Amino acid sequence: MTNRQYLKELAATLLVYGAMLFGSIELLTHVQLARPWRDLVALGPMLPAAAMAWVVLRELRRMDELQRRIQLEALGFSFAGTAILTFSYGFLEGLGYPKLSMFSVWPILAVLWIVGLVLARRRYQ
């Protein structure tokens, strides 16, 4: 499968995720749902998010050894950097800094993954 096919699959899952996220927010905002249904609607966007993870993992399995190594180094950098940043801020929250939502963790992880990719690719070029 080509990189173009991967990008199409990733874009499709992102579009479905966006649509389900928008739909769930609209439903939860404008419709009064009973407890189990409300929870299911709130978690609905996680289905395409899981599909997105599956698309990414499939692409990782198709990569050659060098590309896998680059991804591993980038993910390791991202994992460690996210741990350091979130734990550091957690200690600051104990001093009275505002609480951050768990939604802030993924963007930090993603940005550091990109930074890690840039660093790892430079190392092997």
PDB file of N, CA and C in Angstrom:
ATOM      1  N   MET A   1       0.854  -1.170   0.000  1.00  0.00           N
ATOM      2  CA  MET A   1       0.000   0.000   0.000  1.00  0.00           C
ATOM      3  C   MET A   1       0.902   1.235   0.000  1.00  0.00           C
ATOM      4  N   THR A   2       0.504   2.234  -0.724  1.00  0.00           N
ATOM      5  CA  THR A   2       1.331   3.419  -0.846  1.00  0.00           C
ATOM      6  C   THR A   2       1.065   4.400   0.283  1.00  0.00           C
ATOM      7  N   ASN A   3       1.978   5.348   0.400  1.00  0.00           N
ATOM      8  CA  ASN A   3       1.817   6.406   1.381  1.00  0.00           C
ATOM      9  C   ASN A   3       0.542   7.205   1.092  1.00  0.00           C
ATOM     10  N   ARG A   4       0.214   7.336  -0.175  1.00  0.00           N
ATOM     11  CA  ARG A   4      -1.002   8.057  -0.569  1.00  0.00           C
ATOM     12  C   ARG A   4      -2.249   7.349  -0.035  1.00  0.00           C
ATOM     13  N   GLN A   5      -2.266   6.036  -0.107  1.00  0.00           N
ATOM     14  CA  GLN A   5      -3.399   5.264   0.415  1.00  0.00           C
ATOM     15  C   GLN A   5      -3.513   5.442   1.921  1.00  0.00           C
ATOM     16  N   TYR A   6      -2.375   5.430   2.611  1.00  0.00           N
ATOM     17  CA  TYR A   6      -2.370   5.649   4.057  1.00  0.00           C
ATOM     18  C   TYR A   6      -2.962   7.019   4.385  1.00  0.00           C
ATOM     19  N   LEU A   7      -2.527   8.034   3.654  1.00  0.00           N
ATOM     20  CA  LEU A   7      -3.044   9.380   3.911  1.00  0.00           C
ATOM     21  C   LEU A   7      -4.542   9.464   3.648  1.00  0.00           C
ATOM     22  N   LYS A   8      -5.024   8.762   2.636  1.00  0.00           N
ATOM     23  CA  LYS A   8      -6.470   8.737   2.369  1.00  0.00           C
ATOM     24  C   LYS A   8      -7.225   8.081   3.526  1.00  0.00           C
ATOM     25  N   GLU A   9      -6.709   6.955   4.003  1.00  0.00           N
ATOM     26  CA  GLU A   9      -7.355   6.265   5.124  1.00  0.00           C
ATOM     27  C   GLU A   9      -7.336   7.115   6.388  1.00  0.00           C
ATOM     28  N   LEU A  10      -6.207   7.753   6.646  1.00  0.00           N
ATOM     29  CA  LEU A  10      -6.093   8.602   7.823  1.00  0.00           C
ATOM     30  C   LEU A  10      -7.042   9.793   7.720  1.00  0.00           C
ATOM     31  N   ALA A  11      -7.096  10.404   6.543  1.00  0.00           N
ATOM     32  CA  ALA A  11      -8.003  11.538   6.344  1.00  0.00           C
ATOM     33  C   ALA A  11      -9.457  11.105   6.502  1.00  0.00           C
ATOM     34  N   ALA A  12      -9.791   9.935   6.005  1.00  0.00           N
ATOM     35  CA  ALA A  12     -11.173   9.449   6.133  1.00  0.00           C
ATOM     36  C   ALA A  12     -11.552   9.243   7.592  1.00  0.00           C
ATOM     37  N   THR A  13     -10.648   8.649   8.363  1.00  0.00           N
ATOM     38  CA  THR A  13     -10.964   8.442   9.781  1.00  0.00           C
ATOM     39  C   THR A  13     -11.031   9.773  10.525  1.00  0.00           C
ATOM     40  N   LEU A  14     -10.196  10.721  10.137  1.00  0.00           N
ATOM     41  CA  LEU A  14     -10.257  12.052  10.751  1.00  0.00           C
ATOM     42  C   LEU A  14     -11.575  12.745  10.444  1.00  0.00           C
ATOM     43  N   LEU A  15     -12.040  12.618   9.202  1.00  0.00           N
ATOM     44  CA  LEU A  15     -13.324  13.222   8.824  1.00  0.00           C
ATOM     45  C   LEU A  15     -14.486  12.590   9.585  1.00  0.00           C
ATOM     46  N   VAL A  16     -14.478  11.268   9.697  1.00  0.00           N
ATOM     47  CA  VAL A  16     -15.545  10.587  10.443  1.00  0.00           C
ATOM     48  C   VAL A  16     -15.476  10.986  11.911  1.00  0.00           C
ATOM     49  N   TYR A  17     -14.258  11.076  12.460  1.00  0.00           N
ATOM     50  CA  TYR A  17     -14.100  11.510  13.839  1.00  0.00           C
ATOM     51  C   TYR A  17     -14.681  12.920  14.021  1.00  0.00           C
ATOM     52  N   GLY A  18     -14.322  13.834  13.132  1.00  0.00           N
ATOM     53  CA  GLY A  18     -14.830  15.201  13.226  1.00  0.00           C
ATOM     54  C   GLY A  18     -16.339  15.258  13.151  1.00  0.00           C
ATOM     55  N   ALA A  19     -16.908  14.488  12.235  1.00  0.00           N
ATOM     56  CA  ALA A  19     -18.366  14.468  12.090  1.00  0.00           C
ATOM     57  C   ALA A  19     -19.032  13.903  13.348  1.00  0.00           C
ATOM     58  N   MET A  20     -18.480  12.829  13.874  1.00  0.00           N
ATOM     59  CA  MET A  20     -19.072  12.240  15.084  1.00  0.00           C
ATOM     60  C   MET A  20     -18.888  13.151  16.295  1.00  0.00           C
ATOM     61  N   LEU A  21     -17.760  13.832  16.362  1.00  0.00           N
ATOM     62  CA  LEU A  21     -17.531  14.767  17.459  1.00  0.00           C
ATOM     63  C   LEU A  21     -18.535  15.912  17.395  1.00  0.00           C
ATOM     64  N   PHE A  22     -18.679  16.488  16.211  1.00  0.00           N
ATOM     65  CA  PHE A  22     -19.652  17.572  16.029  1.00  0.00           C
ATOM     66  C   PHE A  22     -21.060  17.087  16.360  1.00  0.00           C
ATOM     67  N   GLY A  23     -21.420  15.914  15.847  1.00  0.00           N
ATOM     68  CA  GLY A  23     -22.748  15.356  16.103  1.00  0.00           C
ATOM     69  C   GLY A  23     -22.995  15.083  17.580  1.00  0.00           C
ATOM     70  N   SER A  24     -21.996  14.540  18.251  1.00  0.00           N
ATOM     71  CA  SER A  24     -22.194  14.242  19.670  1.00  0.00           C
ATOM     72  C   SER A  24     -22.311  15.525  20.484  1.00  0.00           C
ATOM     73  N   ILE A  25     -21.527  16.537  20.158  1.00  0.00           N
ATOM     74  CA  ILE A  25     -21.625  17.812  20.877  1.00  0.00           C
ATOM     75  C   ILE A  25     -23.001  18.431  20.657  1.00  0.00           C
ATOM     76  N   GLU A  26     -23.473  18.401  19.428  1.00  0.00           N
ATOM     77  CA  GLU A  26     -24.800  18.950  19.130  1.00  0.00           C
ATOM     78  C   GLU A  26     -25.890  18.189  19.879  1.00  0.00           C
ATOM     79  N   LEU A  27     -25.817  16.872  19.838  1.00  0.00           N
ATOM     80  CA  LEU A  27     -26.824  16.065  20.544  1.00  0.00           C
ATOM     81  C   LEU A  27     -26.804  16.336  22.041  1.00  0.00           C
ATOM     82  N   LEU A  28     -25.620  16.346  22.611  1.00  0.00           N
ATOM     83  CA  LEU A  28     -25.515  16.542  24.058  1.00  0.00           C
ATOM     84  C   LEU A  28     -25.920  17.954  24.474  1.00  0.00           C
ATOM     85  N   THR A  29     -25.761  18.907  23.571  1.00  0.00           N
ATOM     86  CA  THR A  29     -26.122  20.291  23.873  1.00  0.00           C
ATOM     87  C   THR A  29     -27.626  20.528  23.751  1.00  0.00           C
ATOM     88  N   HIS A  30     -28.248  19.890  22.775  1.00  0.00           N
ATOM     89  CA  HIS A  30     -29.636  20.219  22.448  1.00  0.00           C
ATOM     90  C   HIS A  30     -30.667  19.156  22.797  1.00  0.00           C
ATOM     91  N   VAL A  31     -30.223  17.972  23.182  1.00  0.00           N
ATOM     92  CA  VAL A  31     -31.159  16.891  23.485  1.00  0.00           C
ATOM     93  C   VAL A  31     -30.865  16.368  24.887  1.00  0.00           C
ATOM     94  N   GLN A  32     -31.902  16.249  25.679  1.00  0.00           N
ATOM     95  CA  GLN A  32     -31.747  15.702  27.030  1.00  0.00           C
ATOM     96  C   GLN A  32     -31.815  14.177  26.944  1.00  0.00           C
ATOM     97  N   LEU A  33     -30.682  13.518  27.163  1.00  0.00           N
ATOM     98  CA  LEU A  33     -30.616  12.061  27.066  1.00  0.00           C
ATOM     99  C   LEU A  33     -30.481  11.455  28.454  1.00  0.00           C
ATOM    100  N   ALA A  34     -31.015  10.248  28.605  1.00  0.00           N
ATOM    101  CA  ALA A  34     -30.863   9.515  29.869  1.00  0.00           C
ATOM    102  C   ALA A  34     -29.407   9.079  30.026  1.00  0.00           C
ATOM    103  N   ARG A  35     -29.023   8.728  31.214  1.00  0.00           N
ATOM    104  CA  ARG A  35     -27.641   8.456  31.589  1.00  0.00           C
ATOM    105  C   ARG A  35     -26.894   7.479  30.672  1.00  0.00           C
ATOM    106  N   PRO A  36     -27.325   6.284  30.448  1.00  0.00           N
ATOM    107  CA  PRO A  36     -26.454   5.419  29.633  1.00  0.00           C
ATOM    108  C   PRO A  36     -26.335   5.913  28.189  1.00  0.00           C
ATOM    109  N   TRP A  37     -27.396   6.488  27.637  1.00  0.00           N
ATOM    110  CA  TRP A  37     -27.355   6.982  26.258  1.00  0.00           C
ATOM    111  C   TRP A  37     -26.464   8.210  26.145  1.00  0.00           C
ATOM    112  N   ARG A  38     -26.515   9.070  27.140  1.00  0.00           N
ATOM    113  CA  ARG A  38     -25.683  10.270  27.141  1.00  0.00           C
ATOM    114  C   ARG A  38     -24.205   9.878  27.137  1.00  0.00           C
ATOM    115  N   ASP A  39     -23.859   8.881  27.941  1.00  0.00           N
ATOM    116  CA  ASP A  39     -22.477   8.425  28.007  1.00  0.00           C
ATOM    117  C   ASP A  39     -22.027   7.819  26.673  1.00  0.00           C
ATOM    118  N   LEU A  40     -22.896   7.028  26.062  1.00  0.00           N
ATOM    119  CA  LEU A  40     -22.558   6.417  24.769  1.00  0.00           C
ATOM    120  C   LEU A  40     -22.381   7.472  23.681  1.00  0.00           C
ATOM    121  N   VAL A  41     -23.236   8.484  23.677  1.00  0.00           N
ATOM    122  CA  VAL A  41     -23.102   9.555  22.689  1.00  0.00           C
ATOM    123  C   VAL A  41     -21.797  10.313  22.912  1.00  0.00           C
ATOM    124  N   ALA A  42     -21.460  10.579  24.180  1.00  0.00           N
ATOM    125  CA  ALA A  42     -20.217  11.295  24.496  1.00  0.00           C
ATOM    126  C   ALA A  42     -18.992  10.497  24.050  1.00  0.00           C
ATOM    127  N   LEU A  43     -19.053   9.178  24.167  1.00  0.00           N
ATOM    128  CA  LEU A  43     -17.915   8.334  23.792  1.00  0.00           C
ATOM    129  C   LEU A  43     -17.935   7.913  22.323  1.00  0.00           C
ATOM    130  N   GLY A  44     -18.994   8.229  21.614  1.00  0.00           N
ATOM    131  CA  GLY A  44     -19.119   7.846  20.209  1.00  0.00           C
ATOM    132  C   GLY A  44     -17.928   8.208  19.336  1.00  0.00           C
ATOM    133  N   PRO A  45     -17.374   9.416  19.445  1.00  0.00           N
ATOM    134  CA  PRO A  45     -16.226   9.773  18.605  1.00  0.00           C
ATOM    135  C   PRO A  45     -14.982   8.909  18.838  1.00  0.00           C
ATOM    136  N   MET A  46     -14.977   8.138  19.909  1.00  0.00           N
ATOM    137  CA  MET A  46     -13.821   7.294  20.154  1.00  0.00           C
ATOM    138  C   MET A  46     -13.768   6.086  19.212  1.00  0.00           C
ATOM    139  N   LEU A  47     -14.895   5.741  18.591  1.00  0.00           N
ATOM    140  CA  LEU A  47     -14.875   4.641  17.605  1.00  0.00           C
ATOM    141  C   LEU A  47     -14.000   5.002  16.400  1.00  0.00           C
ATOM    142  N   PRO A  48     -14.232   6.150  15.748  1.00  0.00           N
ATOM    143  CA  PRO A  48     -13.317   6.494  14.646  1.00  0.00           C
ATOM    144  C   PRO A  48     -11.908   6.812  15.146  1.00  0.00           C
ATOM    145  N   ALA A  49     -11.762   7.254  16.395  1.00  0.00           N
ATOM    146  CA  ALA A  49     -10.421   7.472  16.943  1.00  0.00           C
ATOM    147  C   ALA A  49      -9.671   6.140  17.035  1.00  0.00           C
ATOM    148  N   ALA A  50     -10.370   5.087  17.436  1.00  0.00           N
ATOM    149  CA  ALA A  50      -9.761   3.757  17.473  1.00  0.00           C
ATOM    150  C   ALA A  50      -9.411   3.287  16.062  1.00  0.00           C
ATOM    151  N   ALA A  51     -10.267   3.588  15.095  1.00  0.00           N
ATOM    152  CA  ALA A  51      -9.967   3.242  13.701  1.00  0.00           C
ATOM    153  C   ALA A  51      -8.732   3.989  13.222  1.00  0.00           C
ATOM    154  N   MET A  52      -8.601   5.234  13.646  1.00  0.00           N
ATOM    155  CA  MET A  52      -7.433   6.028  13.281  1.00  0.00           C
ATOM    156  C   MET A  52      -6.164   5.390  13.850  1.00  0.00           C
ATOM    157  N   ALA A  53      -6.221   4.950  15.086  1.00  0.00           N
ATOM    158  CA  ALA A  53      -5.070   4.280  15.697  1.00  0.00           C
ATOM    159  C   ALA A  53      -4.718   3.012  14.925  1.00  0.00           C
ATOM    160  N   TRP A  54      -5.733   2.276  14.494  1.00  0.00           N
ATOM    161  CA  TRP A  54      -5.512   1.055  13.724  1.00  0.00           C
ATOM    162  C   TRP A  54      -4.826   1.377  12.384  1.00  0.00           C
ATOM    163  N   VAL A  55      -5.258   2.455  11.718  1.00  0.00           N
ATOM    164  CA  VAL A  55      -4.650   2.875  10.449  1.00  0.00           C
ATOM    165  C   VAL A  55      -3.169   3.211  10.665  1.00  0.00           C
ATOM    166  N   VAL A  56      -2.871   3.938  11.730  1.00  0.00           N
ATOM    167  CA  VAL A  56      -1.482   4.314  12.012  1.00  0.00           C
ATOM    168  C   VAL A  56      -0.645   3.074  12.323  1.00  0.00           C
ATOM    169  N   LEU A  57      -1.168   2.169  13.136  1.00  0.00           N
ATOM    170  CA  LEU A  57      -0.417   0.957  13.468  1.00  0.00           C
ATOM    171  C   LEU A  57      -0.171   0.086  12.236  1.00  0.00           C
ATOM    172  N   ARG A  58      -1.161   0.010  11.350  1.00  0.00           N
ATOM    173  CA  ARG A  58      -0.954  -0.745  10.110  1.00  0.00           C
ATOM    174  C   ARG A  58       0.163  -0.136   9.283  1.00  0.00           C
ATOM    175  N   GLU A  59       0.200   1.188   9.219  1.00  0.00           N
ATOM    176  CA  GLU A  59       1.264   1.855   8.463  1.00  0.00           C
ATOM    177  C   GLU A  59       2.627   1.606   9.103  1.00  0.00           C
ATOM    178  N   LEU A  60       2.686   1.613  10.432  1.00  0.00           N
ATOM    179  CA  LEU A  60       3.956   1.327  11.111  1.00  0.00           C
ATOM    180  C   LEU A  60       4.456  -0.078  10.777  1.00  0.00           C
ATOM    181  N   ARG A  61       3.544  -1.030  10.675  1.00  0.00           N
ATOM    182  CA  ARG A  61       3.941  -2.409  10.348  1.00  0.00           C
ATOM    183  C   ARG A  61       4.478  -2.530   8.927  1.00  0.00           C
ATOM    184  N   ARG A  62       4.056  -1.649   8.040  1.00  0.00           N
ATOM    185  CA  ARG A  62       4.490  -1.701   6.636  1.00  0.00           C
ATOM    186  C   ARG A  62       5.827  -1.004   6.403  1.00  0.00           C
ATOM    187  N   MET A  63       6.300  -0.234   7.369  1.00  0.00           N
ATOM    188  CA  MET A  63       7.525   0.543   7.169  1.00  0.00           C
ATOM    189  C   MET A  63       8.756  -0.358   7.176  1.00  0.00           C
ATOM    190  N   ASP A  64       9.803   0.124   6.496  1.00  0.00           N
ATOM    191  CA  ASP A  64      11.072  -0.604   6.568  1.00  0.00           C
ATOM    192  C   ASP A  64      11.725  -0.343   7.925  1.00  0.00           C
ATOM    193  N   GLU A  65      12.824  -1.040   8.160  1.00  0.00           N
ATOM    194  CA  GLU A  65      13.449  -0.992   9.481  1.00  0.00           C
ATOM    195  C   GLU A  65      13.915   0.408   9.869  1.00  0.00           C
ATOM    196  N   LEU A  66      14.470   1.163   8.927  1.00  0.00           N
ATOM    197  CA  LEU A  66      14.950   2.507   9.242  1.00  0.00           C
ATOM    198  C   LEU A  66      13.789   3.422   9.617  1.00  0.00           C
ATOM    199  N   GLN A  67      12.701   3.357   8.854  1.00  0.00           N
ATOM    200  CA  GLN A  67      11.541   4.201   9.166  1.00  0.00           C
ATOM    201  C   GLN A  67      10.935   3.824  10.516  1.00  0.00           C
ATOM    202  N   ARG A  68      10.910   2.540  10.824  1.00  0.00           N
ATOM    203  CA  ARG A  68      10.420   2.118  12.144  1.00  0.00           C
ATOM    204  C   ARG A  68      11.311   2.649  13.255  1.00  0.00           C
ATOM    205  N   ARG A  69      12.611   2.606  13.027  1.00  0.00           N
ATOM    206  CA  ARG A  69      13.547   3.116  14.041  1.00  0.00           C
ATOM    207  C   ARG A  69      13.335   4.613  14.261  1.00  0.00           C
ATOM    208  N   ILE A  70      13.149   5.351  13.182  1.00  0.00           N
ATOM    209  CA  ILE A  70      12.892   6.789  13.283  1.00  0.00           C
ATOM    210  C   ILE A  70      11.609   7.040  14.064  1.00  0.00           C
ATOM    211  N   GLN A  71      10.565   6.287  13.751  1.00  0.00           N
ATOM    212  CA  GLN A  71       9.298   6.439  14.467  1.00  0.00           C
ATOM    213  C   GLN A  71       9.449   6.079  15.941  1.00  0.00           C
ATOM    214  N   LEU A  72      10.191   5.010  16.223  1.00  0.00           N
ATOM    215  CA  LEU A  72      10.399   4.604  17.614  1.00  0.00           C
ATOM    216  C   LEU A  72      11.129   5.692  18.398  1.00  0.00           C
ATOM    217  N   GLU A  73      12.166   6.262  17.798  1.00  0.00           N
ATOM    218  CA  GLU A  73      12.891   7.336  18.473  1.00  0.00           C
ATOM    219  C   GLU A  73      11.994   8.551  18.681  1.00  0.00           C
ATOM    220  N   ALA A  74      11.181   8.879  17.684  1.00  0.00           N
ATOM    221  CA  ALA A  74      10.278  10.024  17.798  1.00  0.00           C
ATOM    222  C   ALA A  74       9.230   9.785  18.875  1.00  0.00           C
ATOM    223  N   LEU A  75       8.667   8.587  18.910  1.00  0.00           N
ATOM    224  CA  LEU A  75       7.670   8.267  19.936  1.00  0.00           C
ATOM    225  C   LEU A  75       8.293   8.219  21.324  1.00  0.00           C
ATOM    226  N   GLY A  76       9.512   7.718  21.427  1.00  0.00           N
ATOM    227  CA  GLY A  76      10.209   7.715  22.708  1.00  0.00           C
ATOM    228  C   GLY A  76      10.453   9.130  23.202  1.00  0.00           C
ATOM    229  N   PHE A  77      10.881  10.005  22.296  1.00  0.00           N
ATOM    230  CA  PHE A  77      11.080  11.412  22.641  1.00  0.00           C
ATOM    231  C   PHE A  77       9.764  12.027  23.099  1.00  0.00           C
ATOM    232  N   SER A  78       8.709  11.742  22.363  1.00  0.00           N
ATOM    233  CA  SER A  78       7.385  12.280  22.688  1.00  0.00           C
ATOM    234  C   SER A  78       6.888  11.758  24.028  1.00  0.00           C
ATOM    235  N   PHE A  79       7.037  10.477  24.264  1.00  0.00           N
ATOM    236  CA  PHE A  79       6.599   9.871  25.525  1.00  0.00           C
ATOM    237  C   PHE A  79       7.324  10.499  26.710  1.00  0.00           C
ATOM    238  N   ALA A  80       8.649  10.567  26.619  1.00  0.00           N
ATOM    239  CA  ALA A  80       9.438  11.107  27.726  1.00  0.00           C
ATOM    240  C   ALA A  80       9.146  12.594  27.925  1.00  0.00           C
ATOM    241  N   GLY A  81       9.084  13.351  26.833  1.00  0.00           N
ATOM    242  CA  GLY A  81       8.815  14.780  26.935  1.00  0.00           C
ATOM    243  C   GLY A  81       7.445  15.068  27.519  1.00  0.00           C
ATOM    244  N   THR A  82       6.451  14.309  27.098  1.00  0.00           N
ATOM    245  CA  THR A  82       5.095  14.488  27.632  1.00  0.00           C
ATOM    246  C   THR A  82       5.050  14.147  29.112  1.00  0.00           C
ATOM    247  N   ALA A  83       5.737  13.083  29.506  1.00  0.00           N
ATOM    248  CA  ALA A  83       5.779  12.710  30.919  1.00  0.00           C
ATOM    249  C   ALA A  83       6.419  13.822  31.742  1.00  0.00           C
ATOM    250  N   ILE A  84       7.519  14.350  31.271  1.00  0.00           N
ATOM    251  CA  ILE A  84       8.205  15.410  32.015  1.00  0.00           C
ATOM    252  C   ILE A  84       7.326  16.653  32.120  1.00  0.00           C
ATOM    253  N   LEU A  85       6.726  17.061  31.004  1.00  0.00           N
ATOM    254  CA  LEU A  85       5.896  18.275  31.025  1.00  0.00           C
ATOM    255  C   LEU A  85       4.651  18.113  31.883  1.00  0.00           C
ATOM    256  N   THR A  86       3.954  16.989  31.737  1.00  0.00           N
ATOM    257  CA  THR A  86       2.709  16.831  32.490  1.00  0.00           C
ATOM    258  C   THR A  86       2.971  16.631  33.977  1.00  0.00           C
ATOM    259  N   PHE A  87       4.017  15.902  34.334  1.00  0.00           N
ATOM    260  CA  PHE A  87       4.344  15.748  35.750  1.00  0.00           C
ATOM    261  C   PHE A  87       4.794  17.079  36.336  1.00  0.00           C
ATOM    262  N   SER A  88       5.607  17.825  35.584  1.00  0.00           N
ATOM    263  CA  SER A  88       6.055  19.134  36.074  1.00  0.00           C
ATOM    264  C   SER A  88       4.862  20.037  36.339  1.00  0.00           C
ATOM    265  N   TYR A  89       3.939  20.082  35.391  1.00  0.00           N
ATOM    266  CA  TYR A  89       2.779  20.939  35.597  1.00  0.00           C
ATOM    267  C   TYR A  89       1.904  20.408  36.734  1.00  0.00           C
ATOM    268  N   GLY A  90       1.847  19.107  36.900  1.00  0.00           N
ATOM    269  CA  GLY A  90       1.103  18.532  38.022  1.00  0.00           C
ATOM    270  C   GLY A  90       1.633  19.021  39.362  1.00  0.00           C
ATOM    271  N   PHE A  91       2.952  19.122  39.477  1.00  0.00           N
ATOM    272  CA  PHE A  91       3.527  19.664  40.704  1.00  0.00           C
ATOM    273  C   PHE A  91       3.158  21.136  40.879  1.00  0.00           C
ATOM    274  N   LEU A  92       3.130  21.883  39.766  1.00  0.00           N
ATOM    275  CA  LEU A  92       2.745  23.295  39.847  1.00  0.00           C
ATOM    276  C   LEU A  92       1.273  23.446  40.228  1.00  0.00           C
ATOM    277  N   GLU A  93       0.432  22.518  39.770  1.00  0.00           N
ATOM    278  CA  GLU A  93      -0.977  22.567  40.171  1.00  0.00           C
ATOM    279  C   GLU A  93      -1.101  22.459  41.686  1.00  0.00           C
ATOM    280  N   GLY A  94      -0.211  21.694  42.304  1.00  0.00           N
ATOM    281  CA  GLY A  94      -0.203  21.581  43.757  1.00  0.00           C
ATOM    282  C   GLY A  94       0.113  22.905  44.444  1.00  0.00           C
ATOM    283  N   LEU A  95       0.732  23.819  43.701  1.00  0.00           N
ATOM    284  CA  LEU A  95       1.046  25.149  44.243  1.00  0.00           C
ATOM    285  C   LEU A  95      -0.038  26.175  43.930  1.00  0.00           C
ATOM    286  N   GLY A  96      -1.122  25.720  43.298  1.00  0.00           N
ATOM    287  CA  GLY A  96      -2.218  26.633  43.015  1.00  0.00           C
ATOM    288  C   GLY A  96      -2.385  27.027  41.563  1.00  0.00           C
ATOM    289  N   TYR A  97      -1.533  26.527  40.664  1.00  0.00           N
ATOM    290  CA  TYR A  97      -1.715  26.818  39.237  1.00  0.00           C
ATOM    291  C   TYR A  97      -3.041  26.216  38.779  1.00  0.00           C
ATOM    292  N   PRO A  98      -3.634  26.788  37.736  1.00  0.00           N
ATOM    293  CA  PRO A  98      -4.930  26.257  37.286  1.00  0.00           C
ATOM    294  C   PRO A  98      -4.822  24.803  36.823  1.00  0.00           C
ATOM    295  N   LYS A  99      -5.869  24.045  37.065  1.00  0.00           N
ATOM    296  CA  LYS A  99      -5.925  22.648  36.624  1.00  0.00           C
ATOM    297  C   LYS A  99      -6.075  22.607  35.106  1.00  0.00           C
ATOM    298  N   LEU A 100      -5.355  21.695  34.484  1.00  0.00           N
ATOM    299  CA  LEU A 100      -5.470  21.500  33.041  1.00  0.00           C
ATOM    300  C   LEU A 100      -6.297  20.252  32.766  1.00  0.00           C
ATOM    301  N   SER A 101      -7.045  20.296  31.705  1.00  0.00           N
ATOM    302  CA  SER A 101      -7.846  19.152  31.283  1.00  0.00           C
ATOM    303  C   SER A 101      -6.946  18.057  30.727  1.00  0.00           C
ATOM    304  N   MET A 102      -7.401  16.832  30.822  1.00  0.00           N
ATOM    305  CA  MET A 102      -6.674  15.718  30.206  1.00  0.00           C
ATOM    306  C   MET A 102      -6.616  15.868  28.683  1.00  0.00           C
ATOM    307  N   PHE A 103      -7.498  16.689  28.133  1.00  0.00           N
ATOM    308  CA  PHE A 103      -7.472  16.926  26.691  1.00  0.00           C
ATOM    309  C   PHE A 103      -6.171  17.603  26.258  1.00  0.00           C
ATOM    310  N   SER A 104      -5.443  18.188  27.164  1.00  0.00           N
ATOM    311  CA  SER A 104      -4.190  18.859  26.807  1.00  0.00           C
ATOM    312  C   SER A 104      -3.043  17.871  26.592  1.00  0.00           C
ATOM    313  N   VAL A 105      -3.172  16.644  27.057  1.00  0.00           N
ATOM    314  CA  VAL A 105      -2.072  15.682  26.963  1.00  0.00           C
ATOM    315  C   VAL A 105      -1.818  15.261  25.510  1.00  0.00           C
ATOM    316  N   TRP A 106      -2.858  14.931  24.771  1.00  0.00           N
ATOM    317  CA  TRP A 106      -2.658  14.458  23.395  1.00  0.00           C
ATOM    318  C   TRP A 106      -2.001  15.512  22.514  1.00  0.00           C
ATOM    319  N   PRO A 107      -2.430  16.781  22.536  1.00  0.00           N
ATOM    320  CA  PRO A 107      -1.721  17.770  21.713  1.00  0.00           C
ATOM    321  C   PRO A 107      -0.237  17.891  22.079  1.00  0.00           C
ATOM    322  N   ILE A 108       0.083  17.807  23.361  1.00  0.00           N
ATOM    323  CA  ILE A 108       1.494  17.847  23.763  1.00  0.00           C
ATOM    324  C   ILE A 108       2.225  16.652  23.171  1.00  0.00           C
ATOM    325  N   LEU A 109       1.628  15.478  23.292  1.00  0.00           N
ATOM    326  CA  LEU A 109       2.224  14.256  22.753  1.00  0.00           C
ATOM    327  C   LEU A 109       2.429  14.359  21.245  1.00  0.00           C
ATOM    328  N   ALA A 110       1.420  14.867  20.539  1.00  0.00           N
ATOM    329  CA  ALA A 110       1.507  14.969  19.080  1.00  0.00           C
ATOM    330  C   ALA A 110       2.584  15.957  18.641  1.00  0.00           C
ATOM    331  N   VAL A 111       2.640  17.111  19.287  1.00  0.00           N
ATOM    332  CA  VAL A 111       3.655  18.112  18.921  1.00  0.00           C
ATOM    333  C   VAL A 111       5.052  17.562  19.180  1.00  0.00           C
ATOM    334  N   LEU A 112       5.231  16.905  20.316  1.00  0.00           N
ATOM    335  CA  LEU A 112       6.549  16.344  20.611  1.00  0.00           C
ATOM    336  C   LEU A 112       6.894  15.175  19.690  1.00  0.00           C
ATOM    337  N   TRP A 113       5.901  14.455  19.206  1.00  0.00           N
ATOM    338  CA  TRP A 113       6.149  13.387  18.221  1.00  0.00           C
ATOM    339  C   TRP A 113       6.700  14.008  16.940  1.00  0.00           C
ATOM    340  N   ILE A 114       6.104  15.098  16.509  1.00  0.00           N
ATOM    341  CA  ILE A 114       6.584  15.782  15.299  1.00  0.00           C
ATOM    342  C   ILE A 114       8.005  16.294  15.507  1.00  0.00           C
ATOM    343  N   VAL A 115       8.261  16.918  16.651  1.00  0.00           N
ATOM    344  CA  VAL A 115       9.612  17.389  16.951  1.00  0.00           C
ATOM    345  C   VAL A 115      10.577  16.205  16.958  1.00  0.00           C
ATOM    346  N   GLY A 116      10.173  15.107  17.581  1.00  0.00           N
ATOM    347  CA  GLY A 116      11.010  13.912  17.600  1.00  0.00           C
ATOM    348  C   GLY A 116      11.277  13.360  16.209  1.00  0.00           C
ATOM    349  N   LEU A 117      10.274  13.408  15.334  1.00  0.00           N
ATOM    350  CA  LEU A 117      10.474  12.959  13.947  1.00  0.00           C
ATOM    351  C   LEU A 117      11.504  13.819  13.231  1.00  0.00           C
ATOM    352  N   VAL A 118      11.405  15.118  13.416  1.00  0.00           N
ATOM    353  CA  VAL A 118      12.367  16.023  12.774  1.00  0.00           C
ATOM    354  C   VAL A 118      13.781  15.708  13.269  1.00  0.00           C
ATOM    355  N   LEU A 119      13.928  15.562  14.575  1.00  0.00           N
ATOM    356  CA  LEU A 119      15.254  15.266  15.136  1.00  0.00           C
ATOM    357  C   LEU A 119      15.787  13.916  14.673  1.00  0.00           C
ATOM    358  N   ALA A 120      14.942  12.897  14.689  1.00  0.00           N
ATOM    359  CA  ALA A 120      15.381  11.553  14.299  1.00  0.00           C
ATOM    360  C   ALA A 120      15.698  11.486  12.807  1.00  0.00           C
ATOM    361  N   ARG A 121      14.917  12.144  11.990  1.00  0.00           N
ATOM    362  CA  ARG A 121      15.200  12.125  10.544  1.00  0.00           C
ATOM    363  C   ARG A 121      16.525  12.831  10.241  1.00  0.00           C
ATOM    364  N   ARG A 122      16.783  13.927  10.946  1.00  0.00           N
ATOM    365  CA  ARG A 122      18.057  14.640  10.748  1.00  0.00           C
ATOM    366  C   ARG A 122      19.227  13.738  11.120  1.00  0.00           C
ATOM    367  N   ARG A 123      19.037  12.929  12.132  1.00  0.00           N
ATOM    368  CA  ARG A 123      20.114  12.048  12.590  1.00  0.00           C
ATOM    369  C   ARG A 123      20.491  11.009  11.541  1.00  0.00           C
ATOM    370  N   TYR A 124      19.504  10.545  10.775  1.00  0.00           N
ATOM    371  CA  TYR A 124      19.758   9.458   9.816  1.00  0.00           C
ATOM    372  C   TYR A 124      19.912   9.931   8.377  1.00  0.00           C
ATOM    373  N   GLN A 125      19.994  11.231   8.182  1.00  0.00           N
ATOM    374  CA  GLN A 125      20.198  11.719   6.796  1.00  0.00           C
ATOM    375  C   GLN A 125      21.625  12.120   6.546  1.00  0.00           C
TER     376      GLN A 125
END
